[in-house]
Amino acid sequence: MISIKDFRMSSQRNKEIDTTLPILKRDLGYIDFQFSEFPHIVGKTYKDSSEVYADFNISVFIKENCSRCLKDMIVHHSVSISGVLSNDEIMQEDEDVILTQEDMLDLEHILDMALIDYAPSKLLCKSDCKGLCKNCGADLNTTTCSCNIMDENIDPRMQILKDLLKK
């Protein structure tokens, strides 16, 4: 937590922030994030005559699984967040507002904002990942299976296309 009130009252025009949050797991209710290392936040707060602003760069290393073969992997995610700091919940709807509570800036809230921005689609361990066999579950990147799924489960309407591949 960073006191915005103290910063507002000081003669200081800007304040640098460089911190690591001692968090390895974050649950946002709809998704659970696991980190391989502590999230890092770098930024600054600055003020003019009436407002206090902030710019942050949040860097996290998120534990994920390949969408095809389910191998563990680490994904680096970095996002920049900036805006005016405000206690006013009505202003929260504005994209350029970072909500504070009682003139305290919660860095975990900044981390949550960065994680909300993280929306992975299909993550692959490598671009040519072959995935898992649909029948036996073998990792087709490291082994071949003898299931021969193509012969067993082919749609009869597609048989002619399969015959073309044999030629």
C-alpha atoms as a PDB file:
ATOM      1  CA  MET A   1       0.000   0.000   0.000  1.00  0.00           C
ATOM      2  CA  ILE A   2       1.233   3.454  -0.882  1.00  0.00           C
ATOM      3  CA  SER A   3      -0.141   6.571   0.788  1.00  0.00           C
ATOM      4  CA  ILE A   4      -1.389   9.024  -1.807  1.00  0.00           C
ATOM      5  CA  LYS A   5      -2.411  11.512   0.876  1.00  0.00           C
ATOM      6  CA  ASP A   6       1.199  11.875   2.078  1.00  0.00           C
ATOM      7  CA  PHE A   7       2.368  12.291  -1.502  1.00  0.00           C
ATOM      8  CA  ARG A   8      -0.331  14.925  -2.181  1.00  0.00           C
ATOM      9  CA  MET A   9       0.783  16.951   0.856  1.00  0.00           C
ATOM     10  CA  SER A  10       4.512  16.750   0.146  1.00  0.00           C
ATOM     11  CA  SER A  11       6.478  19.127  -2.041  1.00  0.00           C
ATOM     12  CA  GLN A  12       7.678  16.139  -4.039  1.00  0.00           C
ATOM     13  CA  ARG A  13       6.443  16.274  -7.680  1.00  0.00           C
ATOM     14  CA  ASN A  14       6.940  12.591  -8.476  1.00  0.00           C
ATOM     15  CA  LYS A  15       7.698   9.348  -6.711  1.00  0.00           C
ATOM     16  CA  GLU A  16       9.407   6.312  -8.232  1.00  0.00           C
ATOM     17  CA  ILE A  17       8.077   2.841  -7.418  1.00  0.00           C
ATOM     18  CA  ASP A  18      10.054  -0.359  -7.938  1.00  0.00           C
ATOM     19  CA  THR A  19       8.804  -3.317  -5.942  1.00  0.00           C
ATOM     20  CA  THR A  20       8.233  -7.030  -6.002  1.00  0.00           C
ATOM     21  CA  LEU A  21       5.004  -8.391  -4.544  1.00  0.00           C
ATOM     22  CA  PRO A  22       5.548 -11.557  -2.464  1.00  0.00           C
ATOM     23  CA  ILE A  23       2.693 -13.406  -4.178  1.00  0.00           C
ATOM     24  CA  LEU A  24       2.925 -16.729  -6.017  1.00  0.00           C
ATOM     25  CA  LYS A  25      -0.821 -17.330  -6.403  1.00  0.00           C
ATOM     26  CA  ARG A  26      -3.697 -14.977  -7.188  1.00  0.00           C
ATOM     27  CA  ASP A  27      -7.371 -15.941  -7.378  1.00  0.00           C
ATOM     28  CA  LEU A  28      -9.594 -13.470  -9.214  1.00  0.00           C
ATOM     29  CA  GLY A  29     -12.743 -15.527  -8.669  1.00  0.00           C
ATOM     30  CA  TYR A  30     -13.115 -16.712 -12.239  1.00  0.00           C
ATOM     31  CA  ILE A  31      -9.493 -17.765 -12.777  1.00  0.00           C
ATOM     32  CA  ASP A  32      -6.625 -18.829 -10.572  1.00  0.00           C
ATOM     33  CA  PHE A  33      -3.127 -17.605 -11.482  1.00  0.00           C
ATOM     34  CA  GLN A  34       0.077 -19.380 -10.436  1.00  0.00           C
ATOM     35  CA  PHE A  35       3.359 -17.467 -10.771  1.00  0.00           C
ATOM     36  CA  SER A  36       6.823 -18.960 -11.210  1.00  0.00           C
ATOM     37  CA  GLU A  37       8.332 -15.888  -9.540  1.00  0.00           C
ATOM     38  CA  PHE A  38       7.064 -12.861  -7.654  1.00  0.00           C
ATOM     39  CA  PRO A  39       5.300 -10.186  -9.776  1.00  0.00           C
ATOM     40  CA  HIS A  40       7.382  -7.059 -10.345  1.00  0.00           C
ATOM     41  CA  ILE A  41       5.930  -3.533 -10.515  1.00  0.00           C
ATOM     42  CA  VAL A  42       7.892  -0.535 -11.739  1.00  0.00           C
ATOM     43  CA  GLY A  43       6.365   2.895 -12.103  1.00  0.00           C
ATOM     44  CA  LYS A  44       5.914   6.359 -10.780  1.00  0.00           C
ATOM     45  CA  THR A  45       3.306   8.658  -9.373  1.00  0.00           C
ATOM     46  CA  TYR A  46       3.339  12.335 -10.266  1.00  0.00           C
ATOM     47  CA  LYS A  47       1.094  15.289  -9.649  1.00  0.00           C
ATOM     48  CA  ASP A  48       0.005  18.594 -11.026  1.00  0.00           C
ATOM     49  CA  SER A  49      -1.919  21.270  -9.164  1.00  0.00           C
ATOM     50  CA  SER A  50      -5.119  19.236  -8.852  1.00  0.00           C
ATOM     51  CA  GLU A  51      -4.573  15.537  -9.630  1.00  0.00           C
ATOM     52  CA  VAL A  52      -2.217  12.652  -8.902  1.00  0.00           C
ATOM     53  CA  TYR A  53      -1.342  10.367 -11.800  1.00  0.00           C
ATOM     54  CA  ALA A  54       0.425   7.029 -12.019  1.00  0.00           C
ATOM     55  CA  ASP A  55       2.207   4.971 -14.667  1.00  0.00           C
ATOM     56  CA  PHE A  56       3.021   1.331 -13.950  1.00  0.00           C
ATOM     57  CA  ASN A  57       4.629  -1.536 -15.801  1.00  0.00           C
ATOM     58  CA  ILE A  58       3.689  -4.906 -14.323  1.00  0.00           C
ATOM     59  CA  SER A  59       5.713  -7.987 -15.205  1.00  0.00           C
ATOM     60  CA  VAL A  60       4.587 -11.514 -14.286  1.00  0.00           C
ATOM     61  CA  PHE A  61       5.688 -15.023 -15.185  1.00  0.00           C
ATOM     62  CA  ILE A  62       2.539 -17.157 -15.254  1.00  0.00           C
ATOM     63  CA  LYS A  63       2.519 -20.953 -15.063  1.00  0.00           C
ATOM     64  CA  GLU A  64       0.414 -22.315 -17.927  1.00  0.00           C
ATOM     65  CA  ASN A  65      -0.128 -25.548 -19.833  1.00  0.00           C
ATOM     66  CA  CYS A  66       0.221 -26.089 -23.561  1.00  0.00           C
ATOM     67  CA  SER A  67      -3.246 -26.205 -25.121  1.00  0.00           C
ATOM     68  CA  ARG A  68      -2.393 -29.302 -27.177  1.00  0.00           C
ATOM     69  CA  CYS A  69      -0.013 -31.511 -25.151  1.00  0.00           C
ATOM     70  CA  LEU A  70      -0.603 -30.086 -21.641  1.00  0.00           C
ATOM     71  CA  LYS A  71       3.128 -29.625 -20.923  1.00  0.00           C
ATOM     72  CA  ASP A  72       3.952 -27.133 -18.183  1.00  0.00           C
ATOM     73  CA  MET A  73       5.292 -23.851 -19.475  1.00  0.00           C
ATOM     74  CA  ILE A  74       6.041 -20.354 -18.201  1.00  0.00           C
ATOM     75  CA  VAL A  75       4.513 -17.375 -20.031  1.00  0.00           C
ATOM     76  CA  HIS A  76       5.875 -13.867 -19.502  1.00  0.00           C
ATOM     77  CA  HIS A  77       3.197 -11.174 -19.443  1.00  0.00           C
ATOM     78  CA  SER A  78       3.981  -7.484 -19.212  1.00  0.00           C
ATOM     79  CA  VAL A  79       1.397  -4.721 -19.251  1.00  0.00           C
ATOM     80  CA  SER A  80       1.433  -0.967 -18.750  1.00  0.00           C
ATOM     81  CA  ILE A  81      -1.283   0.732 -16.744  1.00  0.00           C
ATOM     82  CA  SER A  82      -1.641   4.470 -16.340  1.00  0.00           C
ATOM     83  CA  GLY A  83      -4.252   6.926 -15.189  1.00  0.00           C
ATOM     84  CA  VAL A  84      -5.401   9.419 -12.618  1.00  0.00           C
ATOM     85  CA  LEU A  85      -5.646   8.170  -9.028  1.00  0.00           C
ATOM     86  CA  SER A  86      -9.083   8.696  -7.518  1.00  0.00           C
ATOM     87  CA  ASN A  87     -11.200   7.666  -4.522  1.00  0.00           C
ATOM     88  CA  ASP A  88     -14.347   8.397  -6.527  1.00  0.00           C
ATOM     89  CA  GLU A  89     -16.055   5.100  -7.433  1.00  0.00           C
ATOM     90  CA  ILE A  90     -18.214   6.877 -10.024  1.00  0.00           C
ATOM     91  CA  MET A  91     -15.036   7.681 -11.968  1.00  0.00           C
ATOM     92  CA  GLN A  92     -14.060   3.986 -11.870  1.00  0.00           C
ATOM     93  CA  GLU A  93     -15.910   3.381 -15.144  1.00  0.00           C
ATOM     94  CA  ASP A  94     -13.389   5.612 -16.930  1.00  0.00           C
ATOM     95  CA  GLU A  95     -10.499   3.593 -18.385  1.00  0.00           C
ATOM     96  CA  ASP A  96      -7.978   6.215 -17.313  1.00  0.00           C
ATOM     97  CA  VAL A  97      -8.814   6.018 -13.588  1.00  0.00           C
ATOM     98  CA  ILE A  98      -7.003   3.906 -11.033  1.00  0.00           C
ATOM     99  CA  LEU A  99      -9.225   3.503  -8.000  1.00  0.00           C
ATOM    100  CA  THR A 100      -7.700   4.102  -4.572  1.00  0.00           C
ATOM    101  CA  GLN A 101      -9.259   3.518  -1.164  1.00  0.00           C
ATOM    102  CA  GLU A 102      -8.990   6.231   1.445  1.00  0.00           C
ATOM    103  CA  ASP A 103      -6.013   7.764  -0.400  1.00  0.00           C
ATOM    104  CA  MET A 104      -4.127   4.460  -0.326  1.00  0.00           C
ATOM    105  CA  LEU A 105      -2.909   2.854  -3.533  1.00  0.00           C
ATOM    106  CA  ASP A 106      -3.087  -0.938  -3.304  1.00  0.00           C
ATOM    107  CA  LEU A 107      -0.402  -2.498  -5.517  1.00  0.00           C
ATOM    108  CA  GLU A 108      -2.234  -5.832  -5.428  1.00  0.00           C
ATOM    109  CA  HIS A 109      -5.140  -4.025  -7.130  1.00  0.00           C
ATOM    110  CA  ILE A 110      -2.696  -2.866  -9.825  1.00  0.00           C
ATOM    111  CA  LEU A 111      -1.598  -6.507 -10.232  1.00  0.00           C
ATOM    112  CA  ASP A 112      -5.256  -7.564 -10.574  1.00  0.00           C
ATOM    113  CA  MET A 113      -5.767  -4.948 -13.301  1.00  0.00           C
ATOM    114  CA  ALA A 114      -2.801  -6.416 -15.192  1.00  0.00           C
ATOM    115  CA  LEU A 115      -4.112  -9.963 -14.810  1.00  0.00           C
ATOM    116  CA  ILE A 116      -7.563  -8.974 -16.073  1.00  0.00           C
ATOM    117  CA  ASP A 117      -5.790  -7.701 -19.189  1.00  0.00           C
ATOM    118  CA  TYR A 118      -4.172 -11.147 -19.595  1.00  0.00           C
ATOM    119  CA  ALA A 119      -6.439 -13.234 -21.785  1.00  0.00           C
ATOM    120  CA  PRO A 120      -4.517 -16.064 -23.387  1.00  0.00           C
ATOM    121  CA  SER A 121      -5.985 -17.810 -26.348  1.00  0.00           C
ATOM    122  CA  LYS A 122      -4.329 -21.038 -27.407  1.00  0.00           C
ATOM    123  CA  LEU A 123      -0.909 -21.237 -25.814  1.00  0.00           C
ATOM    124  CA  LEU A 124       1.447 -23.715 -27.445  1.00  0.00           C
ATOM    125  CA  CYS A 125       4.770 -25.049 -26.141  1.00  0.00           C
ATOM    126  CA  LYS A 126       6.049 -24.794 -29.725  1.00  0.00           C
ATOM    127  CA  SER A 127       4.385 -23.747 -32.968  1.00  0.00           C
ATOM    128  CA  ASP A 128       4.372 -27.283 -34.401  1.00  0.00           C
ATOM    129  CA  CYS A 129       3.123 -29.039 -31.245  1.00  0.00           C
ATOM    130  CA  LYS A 130       1.395 -32.288 -32.246  1.00  0.00           C
ATOM    131  CA  GLY A 131      -0.594 -32.626 -29.041  1.00  0.00           C
ATOM    132  CA  LEU A 132      -1.906 -35.804 -27.471  1.00  0.00           C
ATOM    133  CA  CYS A 133      -3.307 -38.882 -29.190  1.00  0.00           C
ATOM    134  CA  LYS A 134      -7.094 -38.675 -28.946  1.00  0.00           C
ATOM    135  CA  ASN A 135      -7.311 -42.384 -28.287  1.00  0.00           C
ATOM    136  CA  CYS A 136      -4.474 -43.385 -25.922  1.00  0.00           C
ATOM    137  CA  GLY A 137      -3.263 -39.982 -24.672  1.00  0.00           C
ATOM    138  CA  ALA A 138       0.357 -40.400 -25.817  1.00  0.00           C
ATOM    139  CA  ASP A 139       2.374 -37.202 -26.278  1.00  0.00           C
ATOM    140  CA  LEU A 140       2.830 -37.177 -30.056  1.00  0.00           C
ATOM    141  CA  ASN A 141       5.785 -34.768 -29.747  1.00  0.00           C
ATOM    142  CA  THR A 142       7.927 -37.392 -28.028  1.00  0.00           C
ATOM    143  CA  THR A 143       6.460 -40.721 -29.130  1.00  0.00           C
ATOM    144  CA  THR A 144       4.331 -42.373 -31.767  1.00  0.00           C
ATOM    145  CA  CYS A 145       1.402 -44.494 -30.825  1.00  0.00           C
ATOM    146  CA  SER A 146       0.008 -47.537 -32.577  1.00  0.00           C
ATOM    147  CA  CYS A 147      -3.628 -46.535 -32.279  1.00  0.00           C
ATOM    148  CA  ASN A 148      -4.004 -45.762 -35.977  1.00  0.00           C
ATOM    149  CA  ILE A 149      -6.979 -43.536 -35.209  1.00  0.00           C
ATOM    150  CA  MET A 150      -7.188 -42.362 -38.809  1.00  0.00           C
ATOM    151  CA  ASP A 151      -8.230 -45.840 -39.984  1.00  0.00           C
ATOM    152  CA  GLU A 152     -10.667 -46.583 -37.168  1.00  0.00           C
ATOM    153  CA  ASN A 153     -12.588 -43.354 -36.862  1.00  0.00           C
ATOM    154  CA  ILE A 154     -12.728 -42.019 -40.380  1.00  0.00           C
ATOM    155  CA  ASP A 155     -16.041 -40.682 -41.572  1.00  0.00           C
ATOM    156  CA  PRO A 156     -17.114 -42.874 -44.523  1.00  0.00           C
ATOM    157  CA  ARG A 157     -17.827 -39.738 -46.547  1.00  0.00           C
ATOM    158  CA  MET A 158     -14.143 -38.776 -46.196  1.00  0.00           C
ATOM    159  CA  GLN A 159     -12.768 -42.177 -47.233  1.00  0.00           C
ATOM    160  CA  ILE A 160     -12.119 -40.929 -50.777  1.00  0.00           C
ATOM    161  CA  LEU A 161      -9.871 -38.170 -49.428  1.00  0.00           C
ATOM    162  CA  LYS A 162      -7.923 -40.691 -47.377  1.00  0.00           C
ATOM    163  CA  ASP A 163      -7.461 -42.816 -50.481  1.00  0.00           C
ATOM    164  CA  LEU A 164      -6.008 -39.758 -52.278  1.00  0.00           C
ATOM    165  CA  LEU A 165      -3.339 -39.447 -49.570  1.00  0.00           C
ATOM    166  CA  LYS A 166      -2.208 -43.039 -50.197  1.00  0.00           C
ATOM    167  CA  LYS A 167      -1.336 -42.250 -53.835  1.00  0.00           C
END
